[in-house]
């Protein structure tokens, strides 16, 4: 029965490589549910200014990729420590296939 539930999901692979990513920081992938709710799907550690996340989805969903120093982010409350560097945030559509996330600096933020 468990295998049948997993069989409906199709594989996604998220790749991101950028000078804006800091080695050792955590990447959090959240699915948006409703206007205000985020559900954590995956985490990964940034290495060589890159990250790789793999998983499965049944249908395309709105998602958020957040990259920050894990010591400055409280997952339970979604709060950041004061005076910490600004996190890297990317909104994306999570769907089966290869997803390449490009990050660029706009002004003094990301």
Protein backbone atom coordinates (compact mmCIF):
# COMPACT_ATOMS: atom_id res chain seq x y z
CA UNK A 1 0.00 0.00 0.00
CA UNK A 2 2.84 2.40 0.82
CA UNK A 3 4.44 1.72 -2.56
CA UNK A 4 1.17 2.52 -4.31
CA UNK A 5 0.98 5.91 -2.58
CA UNK A 6 4.52 6.78 -3.64
CA UNK A 7 4.01 5.57 -7.21
CA UNK A 8 1.84 8.59 -8.11
CA UNK A 9 4.62 11.05 -7.37
CA UNK A 10 7.04 12.10 -10.06
CA UNK A 11 10.64 13.09 -9.39
CA UNK A 12 11.88 16.69 -9.27
CA UNK A 13 15.49 17.81 -8.99
CA UNK A 14 16.33 21.38 -7.96
CA UNK A 15 19.80 22.71 -8.76
CA UNK A 16 21.11 26.10 -7.72
CA UNK A 17 24.63 27.43 -7.92
CA UNK A 18 25.40 31.03 -7.04
CA UNK A 19 27.94 33.27 -5.34
CA UNK A 20 24.99 34.39 -3.17
CA UNK A 21 24.94 30.96 -1.50
CA UNK A 22 27.23 30.52 1.50
CA UNK A 23 28.80 27.15 2.23
CA UNK A 24 27.38 25.60 5.38
CA UNK A 25 24.08 27.49 5.22
CA UNK A 26 20.85 25.51 5.09
CA UNK A 27 18.42 25.40 2.17
CA UNK A 28 14.78 24.88 3.12
CA UNK A 29 12.15 23.97 0.53
CA UNK A 30 8.60 24.83 1.58
CA UNK A 31 5.29 24.17 -0.16
CA UNK A 32 2.71 26.95 0.06
CA UNK A 33 -0.64 25.84 1.44
CA UNK A 34 -3.16 28.64 1.49
CA UNK A 35 -2.25 32.29 1.91
CA UNK A 36 -0.11 32.06 5.03
CA UNK A 37 0.90 28.43 5.62
CA UNK A 38 4.19 26.86 4.57
CA UNK A 39 4.95 23.15 4.88
CA UNK A 40 8.60 22.06 4.90
CA UNK A 41 9.36 19.47 2.23
CA UNK A 42 13.15 19.15 2.15
CA UNK A 43 16.39 20.57 3.50
CA UNK A 44 19.94 20.54 2.18
CA UNK A 45 23.29 21.99 3.16
CA UNK A 46 24.98 24.43 0.78
CA UNK A 47 28.38 23.17 -0.40
CA UNK A 48 30.65 24.74 -3.03
CA UNK A 49 28.11 27.60 -3.35
CA UNK A 50 25.56 25.07 -4.65
CA UNK A 51 22.59 23.09 -3.51
CA UNK A 52 20.70 20.06 -4.74
CA UNK A 53 17.23 19.01 -3.61
CA UNK A 54 15.35 15.91 -4.84
CA UNK A 55 11.85 14.70 -4.13
CA UNK A 56 8.50 13.83 -5.61
CA UNK A 57 5.29 15.71 -6.39
CA UNK A 58 1.97 14.59 -7.82
CA UNK A 59 1.02 17.96 -9.32
CA UNK A 60 2.75 21.34 -9.73
CA UNK A 61 2.68 23.36 -6.50
CA UNK A 62 3.77 26.83 -5.37
CA UNK A 63 6.96 26.59 -3.37
CA UNK A 64 9.53 28.75 -1.63
CA UNK A 65 13.26 28.09 -1.40
CA UNK A 66 14.90 29.76 1.59
CA UNK A 67 18.65 29.72 2.20
CA UNK A 68 20.12 31.10 5.41
CA UNK A 69 22.35 30.42 8.38
CA UNK A 70 20.41 27.78 10.32
CA UNK A 71 21.43 29.37 13.62
CA UNK A 72 19.62 32.57 12.65
CA UNK A 73 16.33 30.92 11.57
CA UNK A 74 13.68 29.41 13.84
CA UNK A 75 11.72 26.84 11.79
CA UNK A 76 8.89 26.63 14.32
CA UNK A 77 8.11 30.37 14.27
CA UNK A 78 9.57 31.33 10.86
CA UNK A 79 11.49 34.13 12.57
CA UNK A 80 15.01 35.32 11.91
CA UNK A 81 17.47 36.58 14.48
CA UNK A 82 17.92 40.34 14.45
CA UNK A 83 20.94 41.82 12.68
CA UNK A 84 21.54 38.67 10.67
CA UNK A 85 22.34 38.80 6.96
CA UNK A 86 19.32 38.81 4.71
CA UNK A 87 18.25 35.30 3.66
CA UNK A 88 18.21 34.18 0.03
CA UNK A 89 14.60 33.57 -1.04
CA UNK A 90 13.27 32.22 -4.35
CA UNK A 91 9.63 31.58 -5.26
CA UNK A 92 9.12 28.72 -7.70
CA UNK A 93 6.68 26.24 -9.13
CA UNK A 94 7.65 22.78 -7.95
CA UNK A 95 6.90 20.24 -10.68
CA UNK A 96 8.36 17.00 -12.02
CA UNK A 97 11.63 17.39 -13.91
CA UNK A 98 14.83 19.37 -13.56
CA UNK A 99 14.45 22.82 -12.03
CA UNK A 100 17.35 25.26 -12.22
CA UNK A 101 17.08 28.20 -9.81
CA UNK A 102 19.01 31.32 -10.84
CA UNK A 103 19.73 33.92 -8.21
CA UNK A 104 20.70 37.50 -8.91
CA UNK A 105 21.27 40.50 -6.72
CA UNK A 106 18.80 43.36 -7.11
CA UNK A 107 19.76 46.54 -5.29
CA UNK A 108 21.03 45.59 -1.85
CA UNK A 109 18.83 42.46 -1.57
CA UNK A 110 18.24 39.24 -3.41
